[in-house]
C-alpha atoms as a PDB file:
ATOM      1  CA  MET A   1       5.952 -17.935   8.506  1.00  0.00           C
ATOM      2  CA  ALA A   2       3.937 -14.888   7.486  1.00  0.00           C
ATOM      3  CA  GLU A   3       5.456 -11.436   7.722  1.00  0.00           C
ATOM      4  CA  LYS A   4       4.603  -9.385  10.774  1.00  0.00           C
ATOM      5  CA  PHE A   5       3.174  -5.947  10.059  1.00  0.00           C
ATOM      6  CA  GLU A   6       3.731  -3.307  12.696  1.00  0.00           C
ATOM      7  CA  ARG A   7       0.852  -1.193  11.378  1.00  0.00           C
ATOM      8  CA  HIS A   8      -1.809  -3.906  11.700  1.00  0.00           C
ATOM      9  CA  ARG A   9      -5.270  -2.328  12.019  1.00  0.00           C
ATOM     10  CA  GLN A  10      -3.804   1.128  12.529  1.00  0.00           C
ATOM     11  CA  PRO A  11      -5.418   4.158  10.873  1.00  0.00           C
ATOM     12  CA  TRP A  12      -3.734   5.511   7.767  1.00  0.00           C
ATOM     13  CA  LYS A  13      -1.725   8.675   8.310  1.00  0.00           C
ATOM     14  CA  THR A  14      -1.551  11.544   5.817  1.00  0.00           C
ATOM     15  CA  ASP A  15       2.089  10.852   4.946  1.00  0.00           C
ATOM     16  CA  GLU A  16       1.304   7.181   4.278  1.00  0.00           C
ATOM     17  CA  LEU A  17      -1.504   8.145   1.925  1.00  0.00           C
ATOM     18  CA  GLN A  18       0.778  10.556   0.075  1.00  0.00           C
ATOM     19  CA  LYS A  19       3.402   7.824  -0.272  1.00  0.00           C
ATOM     20  CA  LEU A  20       0.735   5.403  -1.532  1.00  0.00           C
ATOM     21  CA  HIS A  21      -0.350   7.924  -4.187  1.00  0.00           C
ATOM     22  CA  THR A  22       3.260   8.670  -5.176  1.00  0.00           C
ATOM     23  CA  LEU A  23       4.378   5.046  -5.480  1.00  0.00           C
ATOM     24  CA  ALA A  24       1.243   4.060  -7.413  1.00  0.00           C
ATOM     25  CA  ALA A  25       1.766   6.988  -9.798  1.00  0.00           C
ATOM     26  CA  LYS A  26       5.336   5.774 -10.401  1.00  0.00           C
ATOM     27  CA  GLY A  27       3.938   2.409 -11.499  1.00  0.00           C
ATOM     28  CA  LYS A  28       5.156   0.379  -8.532  1.00  0.00           C
ATOM     29  CA  GLY A  29       3.538  -2.979  -7.821  1.00  0.00           C
ATOM     30  CA  LEU A  30       1.341  -3.868  -4.865  1.00  0.00           C
ATOM     31  CA  ARG A  31       4.000  -5.919  -3.076  1.00  0.00           C
ATOM     32  CA  GLU A  32       6.599  -3.139  -3.341  1.00  0.00           C
ATOM     33  CA  ILE A  33       4.161  -0.449  -2.162  1.00  0.00           C
ATOM     34  CA  ALA A  34       2.962  -2.558   0.778  1.00  0.00           C
ATOM     35  CA  LYS A  35       6.534  -3.255   1.852  1.00  0.00           C
ATOM     36  CA  ALA A  36       7.466   0.454   1.632  1.00  0.00           C
ATOM     37  CA  LEU A  37       4.469   1.335   3.807  1.00  0.00           C
ATOM     38  CA  ASN A  38       5.007  -1.588   6.212  1.00  0.00           C
ATOM     39  CA  ARG A  39       1.407  -2.638   5.541  1.00  0.00           C
ATOM     40  CA  SER A  40      -0.055  -5.899   4.286  1.00  0.00           C
ATOM     41  CA  GLU A  41      -0.786  -6.247   0.579  1.00  0.00           C
ATOM     42  CA  GLU A  42      -4.470  -6.710   1.408  1.00  0.00           C
ATOM     43  CA  SER A  43      -4.623  -3.513   3.462  1.00  0.00           C
ATOM     44  CA  THR A  44      -2.758  -1.560   0.795  1.00  0.00           C
ATOM     45  CA  LYS A  45      -5.005  -2.903  -1.962  1.00  0.00           C
ATOM     46  CA  ASP A  46      -8.173  -2.093  -0.010  1.00  0.00           C
ATOM     47  CA  ARG A  47      -7.035   1.468   0.737  1.00  0.00           C
ATOM     48  CA  ALA A  48      -5.995   2.075  -2.876  1.00  0.00           C
ATOM     49  CA  LYS A  49      -9.367   0.807  -4.071  1.00  0.00           C
ATOM     50  CA  SER A  50     -11.295   3.008  -1.628  1.00  0.00           C
ATOM     51  CA  ASP A  51      -9.254   6.044  -2.752  1.00  0.00           C
ATOM     52  CA  GLY A  52      -9.655   5.188  -6.454  1.00  0.00           C
ATOM     53  CA  ILE A  53      -5.929   4.586  -6.985  1.00  0.00           C
ATOM     54  CA  ALA A  54      -4.841   2.194  -9.699  1.00  0.00           C
ATOM     55  CA  ILE A  55      -1.870  -0.022  -8.817  1.00  0.00           C
ATOM     56  CA  ALA A  56       0.220  -1.580 -11.580  1.00  0.00           C
ATOM     57  CA  LYS A  57      -0.118  -5.325 -12.017  1.00  0.00           C
ATOM     58  CA  LEU A  58       3.425  -6.637 -12.245  1.00  0.00           C
ATOM     59  CA  ARG A  59       4.176 -10.177 -13.299  1.00  0.00           C
END
């Protein structure tokens, strides 16, 4: 069963964006960042891309 995301289709808040920037700068992976933000990986990836944030590719 897929995970349920409480923030589905909700606008991004300022504190979430700051956390996204901080976690990406620390070299965290997409899955870890998405889980910390309670967002889907797809949503997190799309927002990072639109903000020009590079997310580490962990194997």
